[in-house]
Amino acid sequence: MSRRFALACACAALLAACAPDSVRNIQAKGFNAYLDSLQTACPNMVVGSSNISDWLRTSGSRGDDNYVYWLDQTSRLYYQRISPTQYRDSVSAALGGKSDSRALDCIVRNLPPDRPTRPPGGKLL
């Protein structure tokens, strides 16, 4: 197993236990609207073996570590806590895809330009 892959897996395991801002903060209306917009803007999103479009249609499963990790990283991207490059690298490593996948391109491309830097009244992880 490569060192980079092992590190990515360890990071994914540690961060998967953290509740994303969208789960902890029901007032995250902007982030939730962004997720809703991805269903139309980015149909058929798949990274590795994970179908992100299905997660968005079904609100995912809190018991699915990949979904929780993706949602957490997408929240961090939305609130400008990580860069698009960091987002692509972390999500593709955790989900087994490529950092230049069409799904990740679409997620990044559809970020609102005026997005906030923290959730409303919320704490960041």
N, C-alpha and C. Protein backbone atom coordinates (compact mmCIF):
# COMPACT_ATOMS: atom_id res chain seq x y z
N MET A 1 0.86 -1.17 0.00
CA MET A 1 0.00 0.00 0.00
C MET A 1 0.91 1.23 0.00
N SER A 2 0.63 2.17 -0.86
CA SER A 2 1.46 3.36 -0.95
C SER A 2 1.28 4.23 0.29
N ARG A 3 2.29 4.97 0.59
CA ARG A 3 2.27 5.84 1.77
C ARG A 3 1.18 6.90 1.65
N ARG A 4 1.03 7.48 0.46
CA ARG A 4 0.02 8.52 0.25
C ARG A 4 -1.39 7.96 0.44
N PHE A 5 -1.63 6.76 -0.10
CA PHE A 5 -2.94 6.13 0.04
C PHE A 5 -3.23 5.83 1.51
N ALA A 6 -2.23 5.32 2.22
CA ALA A 6 -2.41 5.02 3.64
C ALA A 6 -2.72 6.28 4.43
N LEU A 7 -2.03 7.37 4.11
CA LEU A 7 -2.29 8.64 4.79
C LEU A 7 -3.69 9.14 4.48
N ALA A 8 -4.10 9.04 3.23
CA ALA A 8 -5.45 9.48 2.84
C ALA A 8 -6.51 8.66 3.57
N CYS A 9 -6.30 7.35 3.68
CA CYS A 9 -7.26 6.49 4.39
C CYS A 9 -7.32 6.85 5.87
N ALA A 10 -6.17 7.11 6.47
CA ALA A 10 -6.14 7.48 7.88
C ALA A 10 -6.87 8.80 8.10
N CYS A 11 -6.63 9.76 7.22
CA CYS A 11 -7.33 11.05 7.34
C CYS A 11 -8.83 10.88 7.16
N ALA A 12 -9.21 10.07 6.21
CA ALA A 12 -10.64 9.84 5.96
C ALA A 12 -11.30 9.21 7.18
N ALA A 13 -10.63 8.25 7.79
CA ALA A 13 -11.20 7.59 8.96
C ALA A 13 -11.35 8.56 10.13
N LEU A 14 -10.35 9.40 10.33
CA LEU A 14 -10.43 10.37 11.42
C LEU A 14 -11.52 11.40 11.20
N LEU A 15 -11.61 11.90 9.98
CA LEU A 15 -12.58 12.96 9.69
C LEU A 15 -14.00 12.46 9.51
N ALA A 16 -14.16 11.20 9.18
CA ALA A 16 -15.51 10.66 8.95
C ALA A 16 -16.35 10.71 10.22
N ALA A 17 -15.70 10.68 11.37
CA ALA A 17 -16.44 10.72 12.63
C ALA A 17 -16.95 12.12 12.96
N CYS A 18 -16.45 13.13 12.30
CA CYS A 18 -16.87 14.50 12.57
C CYS A 18 -18.20 14.78 11.88
N ALA A 19 -19.07 15.46 12.58
CA ALA A 19 -20.36 15.83 11.97
C ALA A 19 -20.14 17.05 11.10
N PRO A 20 -20.55 16.98 9.84
CA PRO A 20 -20.40 18.14 8.97
C PRO A 20 -21.30 19.28 9.39
N ASP A 21 -20.93 20.47 8.97
CA ASP A 21 -21.69 21.66 9.33
C ASP A 21 -23.15 21.53 8.93
N SER A 22 -23.42 20.92 7.80
CA SER A 22 -24.80 20.81 7.33
C SER A 22 -25.63 19.89 8.21
N VAL A 23 -24.98 18.93 8.88
CA VAL A 23 -25.70 18.05 9.78
C VAL A 23 -25.90 18.73 11.13
N ARG A 24 -24.87 19.41 11.60
CA ARG A 24 -24.94 20.07 12.90
C ARG A 24 -25.76 21.33 12.87
N ASN A 25 -25.83 22.00 11.76
CA ASN A 25 -26.41 23.33 11.71
C ASN A 25 -27.54 23.38 10.68
N ILE A 26 -28.78 23.25 11.15
CA ILE A 26 -29.91 23.26 10.22
C ILE A 26 -30.13 24.63 9.62
N GLN A 27 -29.46 25.64 10.16
CA GLN A 27 -29.58 26.99 9.62
C GLN A 27 -28.66 27.22 8.42
N ALA A 28 -27.95 26.21 8.01
CA ALA A 28 -27.00 26.34 6.89
C ALA A 28 -27.76 26.35 5.57
N LYS A 29 -28.66 27.29 5.42
CA LYS A 29 -29.55 27.35 4.25
C LYS A 29 -28.78 27.55 2.94
N GLY A 30 -27.76 28.37 2.95
CA GLY A 30 -26.97 28.59 1.74
C GLY A 30 -26.28 27.32 1.29
N PHE A 31 -25.67 26.60 2.22
CA PHE A 31 -25.00 25.35 1.89
C PHE A 31 -26.01 24.32 1.39
N ASN A 32 -27.13 24.22 2.09
CA ASN A 32 -28.15 23.25 1.68
C ASN A 32 -28.71 23.60 0.30
N ALA A 33 -28.87 24.88 0.01
CA ALA A 33 -29.34 25.30 -1.32
C ALA A 33 -28.30 24.94 -2.39
N TYR A 34 -27.02 25.10 -2.04
CA TYR A 34 -25.95 24.72 -2.96
C TYR A 34 -26.03 23.22 -3.28
N LEU A 35 -26.20 22.40 -2.25
CA LEU A 35 -26.33 20.96 -2.48
C LEU A 35 -27.53 20.65 -3.36
N ASP A 36 -28.64 21.32 -3.10
CA ASP A 36 -29.84 21.12 -3.93
C ASP A 36 -29.56 21.50 -5.39
N SER A 37 -28.82 22.58 -5.60
CA SER A 37 -28.54 23.03 -6.96
C SER A 37 -27.67 22.04 -7.73
N LEU A 38 -26.85 21.28 -7.01
CA LEU A 38 -25.98 20.31 -7.67
C LEU A 38 -26.77 19.18 -8.32
N GLN A 39 -27.94 18.89 -7.78
CA GLN A 39 -28.76 17.82 -8.36
C GLN A 39 -29.12 18.13 -9.80
N THR A 40 -29.38 19.40 -10.09
CA THR A 40 -29.73 19.81 -11.45
C THR A 40 -28.49 20.10 -12.28
N ALA A 41 -27.54 20.82 -11.69
CA ALA A 41 -26.35 21.25 -12.42
C ALA A 41 -25.41 20.10 -12.75
N CYS A 42 -25.38 19.10 -11.89
CA CYS A 42 -24.41 18.01 -12.03
C CYS A 42 -25.08 16.64 -11.93
N PRO A 43 -25.94 16.29 -12.88
CA PRO A 43 -26.59 14.97 -12.80
C PRO A 43 -25.57 13.85 -13.00
N ASN A 44 -25.84 12.72 -12.42
CA ASN A 44 -25.00 11.52 -12.58
C ASN A 44 -23.58 11.70 -12.09
N MET A 45 -23.43 12.29 -10.90
CA MET A 45 -22.09 12.47 -10.32
C MET A 45 -21.63 11.17 -9.66
N VAL A 46 -20.50 10.68 -10.12
CA VAL A 46 -19.90 9.47 -9.56
C VAL A 46 -18.41 9.73 -9.37
N VAL A 47 -17.90 9.39 -8.19
CA VAL A 47 -16.46 9.45 -7.93
C VAL A 47 -16.09 8.07 -7.38
N GLY A 48 -15.19 7.40 -8.06
CA GLY A 48 -14.87 6.03 -7.68
C GLY A 48 -16.13 5.18 -7.80
N SER A 49 -16.48 4.48 -6.73
CA SER A 49 -17.70 3.67 -6.74
C SER A 49 -18.85 4.37 -6.02
N SER A 50 -18.66 5.63 -5.64
CA SER A 50 -19.67 6.37 -4.89
C SER A 50 -20.52 7.23 -5.82
N ASN A 51 -21.83 7.03 -5.75
CA ASN A 51 -22.75 7.80 -6.58
C ASN A 51 -23.26 9.00 -5.78
N ILE A 52 -22.64 10.13 -5.98
CA ILE A 52 -22.97 11.35 -5.24
C ILE A 52 -24.38 11.81 -5.58
N SER A 53 -24.80 11.64 -6.81
CA SER A 53 -26.16 12.03 -7.20
C SER A 53 -27.20 11.26 -6.39
N ASP A 54 -26.97 9.97 -6.18
CA ASP A 54 -27.89 9.18 -5.34
C ASP A 54 -27.91 9.70 -3.91
N TRP A 55 -26.73 10.04 -3.39
CA TRP A 55 -26.68 10.59 -2.03
C TRP A 55 -27.52 11.85 -1.93
N LEU A 56 -27.42 12.72 -2.93
CA LEU A 56 -28.17 13.97 -2.89
C LEU A 56 -29.68 13.72 -3.02
N ARG A 57 -30.06 12.76 -3.84
CA ARG A 57 -31.48 12.45 -4.01
C ARG A 57 -32.09 11.85 -2.76
N THR A 58 -31.30 11.06 -2.03
CA THR A 58 -31.83 10.33 -0.87
C THR A 58 -31.38 10.91 0.46
N SER A 59 -30.69 12.03 0.43
CA SER A 59 -30.09 12.64 1.63
C SER A 59 -29.08 11.71 2.28
N GLY A 60 -28.51 10.83 1.51
CA GLY A 60 -27.43 9.97 1.98
C GLY A 60 -27.80 9.14 3.18
N SER A 61 -26.80 8.59 3.80
CA SER A 61 -26.99 7.79 5.00
C SER A 61 -25.91 8.19 6.00
N ARG A 62 -26.34 8.59 7.17
CA ARG A 62 -25.38 8.99 8.20
C ARG A 62 -24.46 7.82 8.58
N GLY A 63 -24.89 6.60 8.27
CA GLY A 63 -24.08 5.43 8.56
C GLY A 63 -23.06 5.10 7.47
N ASP A 64 -23.11 5.83 6.37
CA ASP A 64 -22.18 5.62 5.26
C ASP A 64 -21.00 6.57 5.43
N ASP A 65 -19.86 6.02 5.82
CA ASP A 65 -18.69 6.85 6.08
C ASP A 65 -18.27 7.67 4.86
N ASN A 66 -18.40 7.11 3.66
CA ASN A 66 -18.04 7.86 2.46
C ASN A 66 -18.94 9.07 2.27
N TYR A 67 -20.24 8.89 2.51
CA TYR A 67 -21.18 10.01 2.39
C TYR A 67 -20.87 11.09 3.42
N VAL A 68 -20.66 10.68 4.65
CA VAL A 68 -20.37 11.65 5.72
C VAL A 68 -19.09 12.40 5.41
N TYR A 69 -18.07 11.69 4.94
CA TYR A 69 -16.80 12.34 4.60
C TYR A 69 -16.99 13.31 3.44
N TRP A 70 -17.70 12.87 2.38
CA TRP A 70 -17.93 13.75 1.23
C TRP A 70 -18.70 15.00 1.65
N LEU A 71 -19.73 14.83 2.46
CA LEU A 71 -20.53 15.97 2.91
C LEU A 71 -19.68 16.94 3.74
N ASP A 72 -18.84 16.39 4.60
CA ASP A 72 -17.97 17.23 5.43
C ASP A 72 -16.99 18.01 4.56
N GLN A 73 -16.35 17.34 3.61
CA GLN A 73 -15.38 18.03 2.75
C GLN A 73 -16.07 19.05 1.85
N THR A 74 -17.27 18.74 1.38
CA THR A 74 -18.01 19.68 0.53
C THR A 74 -18.42 20.91 1.34
N SER A 75 -18.77 20.70 2.60
CA SER A 75 -19.07 21.83 3.49
C SER A 75 -17.83 22.69 3.69
N ARG A 76 -16.70 22.06 3.91
CA ARG A 76 -15.45 22.81 4.09
C ARG A 76 -15.10 23.60 2.83
N LEU A 77 -15.33 23.01 1.67
CA LEU A 77 -15.10 23.72 0.41
C LEU A 77 -16.05 24.90 0.30
N TYR A 78 -17.32 24.68 0.56
CA TYR A 78 -18.32 25.74 0.44
C TYR A 78 -17.98 26.92 1.35
N TYR A 79 -17.59 26.62 2.60
CA TYR A 79 -17.27 27.68 3.56
C TYR A 79 -15.83 28.17 3.46
N GLN A 80 -15.15 27.82 2.39
CA GLN A 80 -13.80 28.30 2.08
C GLN A 80 -12.76 27.92 3.13
N ARG A 81 -12.96 26.77 3.75
CA ARG A 81 -12.00 26.28 4.74
C ARG A 81 -10.91 25.45 4.08
N ILE A 82 -11.20 24.94 2.88
CA ILE A 82 -10.20 24.24 2.07
C ILE A 82 -10.31 24.75 0.64
N SER A 83 -9.23 24.63 -0.09
CA SER A 83 -9.20 25.09 -1.49
C SER A 83 -9.83 24.03 -2.40
N PRO A 84 -10.20 24.42 -3.61
CA PRO A 84 -10.69 23.42 -4.56
C PRO A 84 -9.69 22.29 -4.80
N THR A 85 -8.41 22.60 -4.84
CA THR A 85 -7.40 21.56 -5.04
C THR A 85 -7.38 20.59 -3.86
N GLN A 86 -7.42 21.13 -2.64
CA GLN A 86 -7.46 20.27 -1.46
C GLN A 86 -8.72 19.40 -1.47
N TYR A 87 -9.83 20.00 -1.87
CA TYR A 87 -11.09 19.27 -1.95
C TYR A 87 -10.98 18.11 -2.94
N ARG A 88 -10.51 18.41 -4.13
CA ARG A 88 -10.38 17.38 -5.16
C ARG A 88 -9.49 16.23 -4.68
N ASP A 89 -8.34 16.59 -4.10
CA ASP A 89 -7.39 15.57 -3.66
C ASP A 89 -7.97 14.72 -2.53
N SER A 90 -8.60 15.35 -1.55
CA SER A 90 -9.10 14.59 -0.40
C SER A 90 -10.29 13.71 -0.77
N VAL A 91 -11.22 14.25 -1.55
CA VAL A 91 -12.40 13.47 -1.92
C VAL A 91 -12.03 12.33 -2.86
N SER A 92 -11.19 12.61 -3.84
CA SER A 92 -10.81 11.54 -4.77
C SER A 92 -10.02 10.44 -4.06
N ALA A 93 -9.17 10.81 -3.11
CA ALA A 93 -8.41 9.80 -2.36
C ALA A 93 -9.34 8.95 -1.50
N ALA A 94 -10.30 9.58 -0.85
CA ALA A 94 -11.21 8.85 0.04
C ALA A 94 -12.20 7.98 -0.73
N LEU A 95 -12.67 8.46 -1.87
CA LEU A 95 -13.70 7.72 -2.61
C LEU A 95 -13.13 6.84 -3.72
N GLY A 96 -11.83 6.92 -3.94
CA GLY A 96 -11.20 6.06 -4.92
C GLY A 96 -11.33 6.52 -6.36
N GLY A 97 -11.53 7.79 -6.56
CA GLY A 97 -11.65 8.31 -7.92
C GLY A 97 -10.41 9.09 -8.31
N LYS A 98 -10.58 9.94 -9.31
CA LYS A 98 -9.50 10.80 -9.78
C LYS A 98 -9.83 12.24 -9.44
N SER A 99 -8.81 13.03 -9.13
CA SER A 99 -9.04 14.42 -8.71
C SER A 99 -9.55 15.30 -9.85
N ASP A 100 -9.46 14.81 -11.09
CA ASP A 100 -9.97 15.58 -12.22
C ASP A 100 -11.27 14.99 -12.76
N SER A 101 -12.00 14.28 -11.92
CA SER A 101 -13.25 13.67 -12.39
C SER A 101 -14.28 14.74 -12.75
N ARG A 102 -15.17 14.39 -13.66
CA ARG A 102 -16.20 15.34 -14.09
C ARG A 102 -17.09 15.76 -12.92
N ALA A 103 -17.36 14.84 -12.01
CA ALA A 103 -18.21 15.17 -10.85
C ALA A 103 -17.56 16.25 -10.00
N LEU A 104 -16.28 16.09 -9.70
CA LEU A 104 -15.59 17.09 -8.88
C LEU A 104 -15.45 18.41 -9.62
N ASP A 105 -15.21 18.34 -10.93
CA ASP A 105 -15.16 19.56 -11.74
C ASP A 105 -16.48 20.33 -11.62
N CYS A 106 -17.58 19.62 -11.71
CA CYS A 106 -18.89 20.26 -11.67
C CYS A 106 -19.19 20.85 -10.29
N ILE A 107 -18.84 20.12 -9.24
CA ILE A 107 -19.07 20.61 -7.88
C ILE A 107 -18.31 21.92 -7.66
N VAL A 108 -17.05 21.95 -8.07
CA VAL A 108 -16.23 23.16 -7.90
C VAL A 108 -16.73 24.29 -8.80
N ARG A 109 -17.05 23.97 -10.03
CA ARG A 109 -17.51 24.98 -11.00
C ARG A 109 -18.79 25.68 -10.54
N ASN A 110 -19.64 24.99 -9.80
CA ASN A 110 -20.92 25.55 -9.40
C ASN A 110 -20.92 26.20 -8.01
N LEU A 111 -19.73 26.37 -7.44
CA LEU A 111 -19.66 27.08 -6.16
C LEU A 111 -20.13 28.52 -6.34
N PRO A 112 -20.96 29.02 -5.44
CA PRO A 112 -21.35 30.43 -5.54
C PRO A 112 -20.13 31.32 -5.28
N PRO A 113 -19.94 32.37 -6.07
CA PRO A 113 -18.76 33.23 -5.88
C PRO A 113 -18.79 34.00 -4.56
N ASP A 114 -19.97 34.25 -4.03
CA ASP A 114 -20.09 35.06 -2.81
C ASP A 114 -20.43 34.21 -1.59
N ARG A 115 -19.94 32.98 -1.55
CA ARG A 115 -20.27 32.10 -0.43
C ARG A 115 -19.59 32.57 0.86
N PRO A 116 -20.20 32.25 1.99
CA PRO A 116 -19.66 32.72 3.28
C PRO A 116 -18.41 31.95 3.69
N THR A 117 -17.78 32.43 4.74
CA THR A 117 -16.58 31.76 5.25
C THR A 117 -16.87 30.96 6.51
N ARG A 118 -18.10 30.97 6.98
CA ARG A 118 -18.49 30.14 8.12
C ARG A 118 -19.99 29.94 8.12
N PRO A 119 -20.46 28.84 8.71
CA PRO A 119 -21.90 28.61 8.77
C PRO A 119 -22.58 29.64 9.65
N PRO A 120 -23.86 29.91 9.43
CA PRO A 120 -24.56 30.90 10.24
C PRO A 120 -24.57 30.51 11.71
N GLY A 121 -24.01 31.37 12.54
CA GLY A 121 -23.97 31.14 13.98
C GLY A 121 -23.25 29.87 14.37
N GLY A 122 -22.55 29.29 13.42
CA GLY A 122 -21.98 27.98 13.66
C GLY A 122 -20.51 27.98 13.97
N LYS A 123 -20.13 26.87 14.55
CA LYS A 123 -18.73 26.62 14.83
C LYS A 123 -18.19 25.81 13.67
N LEU A 124 -16.97 26.05 13.35
CA LEU A 124 -16.31 25.23 12.33
C LEU A 124 -15.64 24.06 13.00
N LEU A 125 -15.50 23.01 12.26
CA LEU A 125 -14.83 21.83 12.80
C LEU A 125 -13.38 22.11 13.04
